[in-house]
Amino acid sequence: MLMDGAFAAGLLVSIITIAIQAVATVCVIKTVRFAARHFSGRRKIETLVIVMAASGTLLTIFHLLEVAVWAQLYAITGATDPDNIYYFAFVNFTTLGYGDLIPARPWRILGPMTAANGMLLFGWSTAVLFSVLSRAIAQLRIR
């Protein structure tokens, strides 16, 4: 059961989205370093706002990409209605779970796998944002 086609496909997409999140983390770190070098100076609060806004924006864009990867899996497998694949992926990824759509029986495991992956990646983003904020405050010596 665990290594059937649906589980294997969900595991593969989870690995892909984790790789995307790793790239997102590197992009955020590079953006923060760039901002620290070019904007800090006397404009500490402005720099902090730029750093946090850029970090949040980048992470949001990457999460939208991760949802799109899950949506592609739903499209390829025919797990849900083609008109609703992105919506269905998003509802599962965010663990919102309206329950208004149910995947085709052989693909049901993908819903909880998408939710578990989304929880992991949102938690990772939260940790990245916290780290960025902590480091920015320390580097800028904001009190």
N, C-alpha and C. Protein backbone atom coordinates (compact mmCIF):
# COMPACT_ATOMS: atom_id res chain seq x y z
N MET A 1 0.83 -1.20 0.00
CA MET A 1 0.00 0.00 0.00
C MET A 1 0.87 1.26 0.00
N LEU A 2 1.91 1.30 0.86
CA LEU A 2 2.70 2.51 0.96
C LEU A 2 3.46 2.84 -0.31
N MET A 3 3.84 1.87 -1.07
CA MET A 3 4.61 2.17 -2.27
C MET A 3 3.79 1.99 -3.55
N ASP A 4 2.48 2.17 -3.46
CA ASP A 4 1.69 2.13 -4.68
C ASP A 4 1.95 3.39 -5.49
N GLY A 5 1.38 3.51 -6.66
CA GLY A 5 1.65 4.62 -7.56
C GLY A 5 1.33 5.97 -6.96
N ALA A 6 0.23 6.08 -6.24
CA ALA A 6 -0.16 7.37 -5.66
C ALA A 6 0.84 7.81 -4.59
N PHE A 7 1.22 6.89 -3.74
CA PHE A 7 2.17 7.23 -2.67
C PHE A 7 3.53 7.60 -3.26
N ALA A 8 3.98 6.84 -4.23
CA ALA A 8 5.27 7.12 -4.87
C ALA A 8 5.24 8.48 -5.56
N ALA A 9 4.15 8.78 -6.25
CA ALA A 9 4.03 10.08 -6.93
C ALA A 9 4.01 11.22 -5.92
N GLY A 10 3.28 11.03 -4.83
CA GLY A 10 3.24 12.05 -3.78
C GLY A 10 4.60 12.26 -3.13
N LEU A 11 5.32 11.18 -2.93
CA LEU A 11 6.67 11.27 -2.35
C LEU A 11 7.61 12.02 -3.30
N LEU A 12 7.53 11.72 -4.59
CA LEU A 12 8.37 12.40 -5.56
C LEU A 12 8.08 13.91 -5.59
N VAL A 13 6.80 14.27 -5.60
CA VAL A 13 6.44 15.69 -5.61
C VAL A 13 6.86 16.36 -4.31
N SER A 14 6.76 15.66 -3.20
CA SER A 14 7.23 16.21 -1.92
C SER A 14 8.72 16.52 -1.99
N ILE A 15 9.49 15.63 -2.56
CA ILE A 15 10.93 15.85 -2.69
C ILE A 15 11.20 17.05 -3.60
N ILE A 16 10.44 17.16 -4.68
CA ILE A 16 10.62 18.30 -5.59
C ILE A 16 10.30 19.62 -4.88
N THR A 17 9.22 19.65 -4.12
CA THR A 17 8.85 20.90 -3.44
C THR A 17 9.83 21.23 -2.31
N ILE A 18 10.40 20.23 -1.69
CA ILE A 18 11.42 20.47 -0.67
C ILE A 18 12.66 21.08 -1.34
N ALA A 19 13.01 20.60 -2.52
CA ALA A 19 14.13 21.19 -3.26
C ALA A 19 13.82 22.64 -3.65
N ILE A 20 12.59 22.91 -4.05
CA ILE A 20 12.18 24.28 -4.37
C ILE A 20 12.31 25.16 -3.13
N GLN A 21 11.90 24.65 -1.98
CA GLN A 21 12.00 25.41 -0.74
C GLN A 21 13.45 25.68 -0.37
N ALA A 22 14.32 24.73 -0.66
CA ALA A 22 15.75 24.95 -0.41
C ALA A 22 16.28 26.08 -1.29
N VAL A 23 15.86 26.11 -2.55
CA VAL A 23 16.25 27.20 -3.45
C VAL A 23 15.68 28.52 -2.92
N ALA A 24 14.44 28.50 -2.46
CA ALA A 24 13.81 29.70 -1.90
C ALA A 24 14.62 30.23 -0.72
N THR A 25 15.06 29.34 0.14
CA THR A 25 15.84 29.74 1.31
C THR A 25 17.15 30.40 0.88
N VAL A 26 17.81 29.82 -0.10
CA VAL A 26 19.06 30.41 -0.60
C VAL A 26 18.78 31.78 -1.20
N CYS A 27 17.70 31.92 -1.96
CA CYS A 27 17.34 33.22 -2.56
C CYS A 27 17.08 34.27 -1.48
N VAL A 28 16.39 33.88 -0.44
CA VAL A 28 16.12 34.82 0.66
C VAL A 28 17.43 35.24 1.32
N ILE A 29 18.30 34.29 1.58
CA ILE A 29 19.59 34.62 2.21
C ILE A 29 20.40 35.56 1.34
N LYS A 30 20.45 35.29 0.04
CA LYS A 30 21.20 36.17 -0.88
C LYS A 30 20.57 37.56 -0.95
N THR A 31 19.25 37.63 -0.93
CA THR A 31 18.56 38.92 -0.96
C THR A 31 18.85 39.71 0.30
N VAL A 32 18.83 39.05 1.44
CA VAL A 32 19.11 39.71 2.72
C VAL A 32 20.55 40.23 2.74
N ARG A 33 21.47 39.42 2.27
CA ARG A 33 22.87 39.86 2.24
C ARG A 33 23.05 41.06 1.32
N PHE A 34 22.38 41.04 0.17
CA PHE A 34 22.44 42.17 -0.75
C PHE A 34 21.89 43.43 -0.09
N ALA A 35 20.74 43.29 0.53
CA ALA A 35 20.11 44.45 1.19
C ALA A 35 20.99 44.98 2.31
N ALA A 36 21.59 44.08 3.06
CA ALA A 36 22.44 44.51 4.18
C ALA A 36 23.65 45.31 3.68
N ARG A 37 24.18 44.91 2.54
CA ARG A 37 25.34 45.62 1.99
C ARG A 37 24.97 46.96 1.36
N HIS A 38 23.80 47.02 0.75
CA HIS A 38 23.46 48.19 -0.06
C HIS A 38 22.49 49.18 0.58
N PHE A 39 21.75 48.75 1.59
CA PHE A 39 20.73 49.63 2.13
C PHE A 39 20.92 50.02 3.59
N SER A 40 21.77 49.33 4.32
CA SER A 40 21.82 49.54 5.77
C SER A 40 22.14 50.98 6.16
N GLY A 41 23.39 51.35 6.21
CA GLY A 41 23.75 52.72 6.54
C GLY A 41 22.95 53.32 7.67
N ARG A 42 22.41 54.48 7.42
CA ARG A 42 21.64 55.18 8.46
C ARG A 42 20.15 54.86 8.39
N ARG A 43 19.74 54.18 7.39
CA ARG A 43 18.31 53.88 7.20
C ARG A 43 17.97 52.49 7.73
N LYS A 44 18.11 52.33 9.00
CA LYS A 44 17.95 51.01 9.61
C LYS A 44 16.53 50.47 9.49
N ILE A 45 15.55 51.28 9.82
CA ILE A 45 14.16 50.81 9.78
C ILE A 45 13.75 50.52 8.34
N GLU A 46 14.13 51.40 7.42
CA GLU A 46 13.81 51.17 6.01
C GLU A 46 14.45 49.88 5.50
N THR A 47 15.69 49.65 5.91
CA THR A 47 16.37 48.43 5.51
C THR A 47 15.65 47.21 6.07
N LEU A 48 15.24 47.28 7.31
CA LEU A 48 14.52 46.16 7.92
C LEU A 48 13.22 45.89 7.17
N VAL A 49 12.50 46.93 6.81
CA VAL A 49 11.24 46.77 6.06
C VAL A 49 11.52 46.14 4.70
N ILE A 50 12.55 46.61 4.02
CA ILE A 50 12.91 46.05 2.71
C ILE A 50 13.28 44.57 2.84
N VAL A 51 14.08 44.25 3.82
CA VAL A 51 14.51 42.87 4.03
C VAL A 51 13.31 41.97 4.31
N MET A 52 12.45 42.38 5.20
CA MET A 52 11.30 41.54 5.56
C MET A 52 10.30 41.45 4.40
N ALA A 53 10.05 42.55 3.72
CA ALA A 53 9.12 42.53 2.59
C ALA A 53 9.66 41.65 1.47
N ALA A 54 10.94 41.78 1.17
CA ALA A 54 11.54 40.96 0.12
C ALA A 54 11.51 39.48 0.50
N SER A 55 11.81 39.19 1.75
CA SER A 55 11.81 37.80 2.21
C SER A 55 10.41 37.19 2.12
N GLY A 56 9.43 37.91 2.63
CA GLY A 56 8.05 37.41 2.59
C GLY A 56 7.54 37.25 1.18
N THR A 57 7.88 38.20 0.31
CA THR A 57 7.44 38.12 -1.08
C THR A 57 8.07 36.93 -1.79
N LEU A 58 9.37 36.76 -1.63
CA LEU A 58 10.05 35.63 -2.25
C LEU A 58 9.47 34.29 -1.77
N LEU A 59 9.27 34.17 -0.48
CA LEU A 59 8.72 32.92 0.05
C LEU A 59 7.31 32.67 -0.46
N THR A 60 6.51 33.71 -0.57
CA THR A 60 5.15 33.55 -1.11
C THR A 60 5.19 33.08 -2.55
N ILE A 61 6.05 33.69 -3.35
CA ILE A 61 6.17 33.28 -4.76
C ILE A 61 6.58 31.81 -4.86
N PHE A 62 7.54 31.43 -4.05
CA PHE A 62 7.98 30.03 -4.09
C PHE A 62 6.88 29.08 -3.60
N HIS A 63 6.08 29.49 -2.61
CA HIS A 63 4.96 28.64 -2.17
C HIS A 63 3.94 28.49 -3.29
N LEU A 64 3.68 29.54 -4.03
CA LEU A 64 2.76 29.45 -5.16
C LEU A 64 3.30 28.47 -6.20
N LEU A 65 4.60 28.47 -6.40
CA LEU A 65 5.23 27.51 -7.32
C LEU A 65 5.08 26.08 -6.78
N GLU A 66 5.27 25.91 -5.50
CA GLU A 66 5.13 24.57 -4.91
C GLU A 66 3.70 24.05 -5.06
N VAL A 67 2.73 24.93 -4.87
CA VAL A 67 1.33 24.53 -5.07
C VAL A 67 1.12 24.13 -6.53
N ALA A 68 1.74 24.88 -7.45
CA ALA A 68 1.61 24.57 -8.88
C ALA A 68 2.19 23.19 -9.21
N VAL A 69 3.25 22.81 -8.52
CA VAL A 69 3.82 21.48 -8.74
C VAL A 69 2.83 20.40 -8.31
N TRP A 70 2.21 20.60 -7.15
CA TRP A 70 1.18 19.66 -6.71
C TRP A 70 0.01 19.65 -7.69
N ALA A 71 -0.37 20.82 -8.18
CA ALA A 71 -1.48 20.90 -9.14
C ALA A 71 -1.15 20.11 -10.41
N GLN A 72 0.11 20.18 -10.83
CA GLN A 72 0.53 19.41 -12.01
C GLN A 72 0.35 17.91 -11.77
N LEU A 73 0.69 17.48 -10.57
CA LEU A 73 0.50 16.06 -10.26
C LEU A 73 -0.98 15.70 -10.33
N TYR A 74 -1.84 16.55 -9.78
CA TYR A 74 -3.28 16.30 -9.85
C TYR A 74 -3.77 16.27 -11.29
N ALA A 75 -3.20 17.13 -12.13
CA ALA A 75 -3.58 17.16 -13.54
C ALA A 75 -3.12 15.90 -14.27
N ILE A 76 -1.88 15.50 -14.02
CA ILE A 76 -1.32 14.32 -14.68
C ILE A 76 -2.08 13.06 -14.31
N THR A 77 -2.43 12.95 -13.03
CA THR A 77 -3.10 11.73 -12.55
C THR A 77 -4.60 11.74 -12.80
N GLY A 78 -5.16 12.92 -13.05
CA GLY A 78 -6.62 13.00 -13.19
C GLY A 78 -7.32 12.81 -11.86
N ALA A 79 -6.62 13.15 -10.77
CA ALA A 79 -7.15 12.94 -9.43
C ALA A 79 -8.38 13.80 -9.14
N THR A 80 -8.51 14.91 -9.83
CA THR A 80 -9.67 15.78 -9.63
C THR A 80 -10.02 16.46 -10.95
N ASP A 81 -11.12 17.15 -10.96
CA ASP A 81 -11.62 17.86 -12.13
C ASP A 81 -10.57 18.86 -12.64
N PRO A 82 -10.25 18.86 -13.93
CA PRO A 82 -9.21 19.75 -14.47
C PRO A 82 -9.45 21.24 -14.18
N ASP A 83 -10.69 21.65 -14.04
CA ASP A 83 -10.98 23.06 -13.75
C ASP A 83 -10.61 23.45 -12.33
N ASN A 84 -10.37 22.47 -11.47
CA ASN A 84 -10.15 22.74 -10.05
C ASN A 84 -8.80 22.29 -9.53
N ILE A 85 -7.87 21.94 -10.40
CA ILE A 85 -6.64 21.34 -9.89
C ILE A 85 -5.82 22.28 -9.02
N TYR A 86 -5.68 23.54 -9.44
CA TYR A 86 -4.88 24.47 -8.63
C TYR A 86 -5.59 24.78 -7.32
N TYR A 87 -6.89 24.99 -7.39
CA TYR A 87 -7.69 25.23 -6.19
C TYR A 87 -7.56 24.05 -5.23
N PHE A 88 -7.71 22.85 -5.76
CA PHE A 88 -7.65 21.64 -4.94
C PHE A 88 -6.27 21.50 -4.30
N ALA A 89 -5.22 21.74 -5.09
CA ALA A 89 -3.86 21.66 -4.55
C ALA A 89 -3.65 22.70 -3.46
N PHE A 90 -4.16 23.91 -3.68
CA PHE A 90 -3.99 24.99 -2.71
C PHE A 90 -4.74 24.69 -1.41
N VAL A 91 -5.94 24.20 -1.52
CA VAL A 91 -6.74 23.88 -0.32
C VAL A 91 -6.05 22.80 0.50
N ASN A 92 -5.47 21.82 -0.18
CA ASN A 92 -4.74 20.77 0.55
C ASN A 92 -3.42 21.27 1.10
N PHE A 93 -2.66 22.03 0.30
CA PHE A 93 -1.34 22.50 0.69
C PHE A 93 -1.42 23.40 1.93
N THR A 94 -2.46 24.19 2.02
CA THR A 94 -2.63 25.09 3.15
C THR A 94 -3.35 24.43 4.32
N THR A 95 -3.73 23.20 4.17
CA THR A 95 -4.50 22.41 5.14
C THR A 95 -5.86 23.04 5.45
N LEU A 96 -6.35 23.89 4.54
CA LEU A 96 -7.67 24.48 4.72
C LEU A 96 -8.74 23.40 4.65
N GLY A 97 -8.67 22.57 3.64
CA GLY A 97 -9.53 21.40 3.53
C GLY A 97 -11.02 21.67 3.55
N TYR A 98 -11.51 22.44 2.61
CA TYR A 98 -12.96 22.69 2.54
C TYR A 98 -13.75 21.39 2.46
N GLY A 99 -13.23 20.43 1.71
CA GLY A 99 -13.95 19.17 1.55
C GLY A 99 -14.97 19.22 0.44
N ASP A 100 -14.99 20.29 -0.34
CA ASP A 100 -15.96 20.38 -1.43
C ASP A 100 -15.51 19.58 -2.65
N LEU A 101 -14.25 19.18 -2.69
CA LEU A 101 -13.73 18.33 -3.75
C LEU A 101 -13.08 17.12 -3.11
N ILE A 102 -13.30 15.98 -3.74
CA ILE A 102 -12.69 14.74 -3.25
C ILE A 102 -11.94 14.12 -4.42
N PRO A 103 -10.69 13.74 -4.20
CA PRO A 103 -9.93 13.15 -5.31
C PRO A 103 -10.49 11.78 -5.70
N ALA A 104 -10.18 11.38 -6.93
CA ALA A 104 -10.57 10.04 -7.39
C ALA A 104 -9.97 9.01 -6.44
N ARG A 105 -10.70 7.94 -6.22
CA ARG A 105 -10.35 6.95 -5.20
C ARG A 105 -8.89 6.50 -5.20
N PRO A 106 -8.29 6.16 -6.34
CA PRO A 106 -6.91 5.68 -6.27
C PRO A 106 -5.90 6.76 -5.85
N TRP A 107 -6.31 8.01 -5.87
CA TRP A 107 -5.38 9.12 -5.59
C TRP A 107 -5.68 9.81 -4.27
N ARG A 108 -6.51 9.26 -3.46
CA ARG A 108 -6.90 9.93 -2.20
C ARG A 108 -5.75 10.23 -1.27
N ILE A 109 -4.73 9.43 -1.28
CA ILE A 109 -3.59 9.66 -0.38
C ILE A 109 -2.87 10.97 -0.71
N LEU A 110 -3.04 11.47 -1.93
CA LEU A 110 -2.35 12.70 -2.32
C LEU A 110 -2.81 13.91 -1.51
N GLY A 111 -4.07 13.94 -1.10
CA GLY A 111 -4.57 15.07 -0.30
C GLY A 111 -3.81 15.22 1.01
N PRO A 112 -3.76 14.18 1.83
CA PRO A 112 -3.01 14.30 3.07
C PRO A 112 -1.50 14.47 2.86
N MET A 113 -0.97 13.90 1.79
CA MET A 113 0.45 14.10 1.52
C MET A 113 0.73 15.55 1.15
N THR A 114 -0.17 16.15 0.39
CA THR A 114 -0.02 17.57 0.04
C THR A 114 -0.09 18.42 1.31
N ALA A 115 -1.02 18.10 2.19
CA ALA A 115 -1.18 18.86 3.44
C ALA A 115 0.06 18.74 4.33
N ALA A 116 0.58 17.54 4.46
CA ALA A 116 1.78 17.33 5.28
C ALA A 116 2.96 18.10 4.69
N ASN A 117 3.09 18.07 3.39
CA ASN A 117 4.17 18.80 2.72
C ASN A 117 4.00 20.30 2.92
N GLY A 118 2.79 20.79 2.78
CA GLY A 118 2.54 22.21 2.98
C GLY A 118 2.86 22.66 4.40
N MET A 119 2.46 21.85 5.39
CA MET A 119 2.77 22.20 6.79
C MET A 119 4.28 22.29 7.00
N LEU A 120 5.00 21.32 6.46
CA LEU A 120 6.46 21.32 6.59
C LEU A 120 7.05 22.58 5.96
N LEU A 121 6.62 22.91 4.75
CA LEU A 121 7.22 24.02 4.03
C LEU A 121 6.82 25.37 4.60
N PHE A 122 5.59 25.51 5.10
CA PHE A 122 5.20 26.75 5.77
C PHE A 122 5.96 26.92 7.09
N GLY A 123 6.18 25.82 7.79
CA GLY A 123 6.98 25.88 9.01
C GLY A 123 8.41 26.28 8.71
N TRP A 124 8.94 25.75 7.64
CA TRP A 124 10.30 26.10 7.20
C TRP A 124 10.37 27.58 6.88
N SER A 125 9.38 28.09 6.16
CA SER A 125 9.34 29.53 5.83
C SER A 125 9.26 30.39 7.08
N THR A 126 8.49 29.95 8.05
CA THR A 126 8.38 30.68 9.30
C THR A 126 9.74 30.76 9.99
N ALA A 127 10.45 29.64 9.99
CA ALA A 127 11.78 29.62 10.59
C ALA A 127 12.74 30.55 9.83
N VAL A 128 12.65 30.55 8.51
CA VAL A 128 13.51 31.43 7.71
C VAL A 128 13.19 32.89 8.03
N LEU A 129 11.92 33.25 8.06
CA LEU A 129 11.53 34.63 8.37
C LEU A 129 12.00 35.05 9.75
N PHE A 130 11.85 34.17 10.72
CA PHE A 130 12.30 34.47 12.08
C PHE A 130 13.80 34.69 12.11
N SER A 131 14.53 33.82 11.42
CA SER A 131 15.98 33.95 11.38
C SER A 131 16.41 35.24 10.69
N VAL A 132 15.75 35.56 9.58
CA VAL A 132 16.07 36.79 8.85
C VAL A 132 15.80 38.00 9.74
N LEU A 133 14.67 38.02 10.39
CA LEU A 133 14.32 39.14 11.26
C LEU A 133 15.32 39.27 12.41
N SER A 134 15.64 38.16 13.04
CA SER A 134 16.59 38.17 14.16
C SER A 134 17.96 38.68 13.73
N ARG A 135 18.44 38.18 12.61
CA ARG A 135 19.76 38.60 12.13
C ARG A 135 19.77 40.06 11.69
N ALA A 136 18.69 40.47 11.02
CA ALA A 136 18.62 41.85 10.55
C ALA A 136 18.61 42.81 11.74
N ILE A 137 17.84 42.48 12.74
CA ILE A 137 17.78 43.35 13.93
C ILE A 137 19.16 43.40 14.61
N ALA A 138 19.82 42.27 14.71
CA ALA A 138 21.15 42.24 15.33
C ALA A 138 22.17 43.02 14.51
N GLN A 139 22.16 42.81 13.19
CA GLN A 139 23.14 43.50 12.33
C GLN A 139 22.89 45.01 12.28
N LEU A 140 21.63 45.39 12.26
CA LEU A 140 21.31 46.81 12.17
C LEU A 140 21.32 47.48 13.54
N ARG A 141 21.42 46.66 14.58
CA ARG A 141 21.42 47.16 15.96
C ARG A 141 20.20 48.03 16.23
N ILE A 142 19.04 47.47 15.88
CA ILE A 142 17.78 48.17 16.12
C ILE A 142 17.28 47.81 17.51
N ARG A 143 16.86 48.82 18.25
CA ARG A 143 16.35 48.57 19.61
C ARG A 143 15.00 49.16 19.76
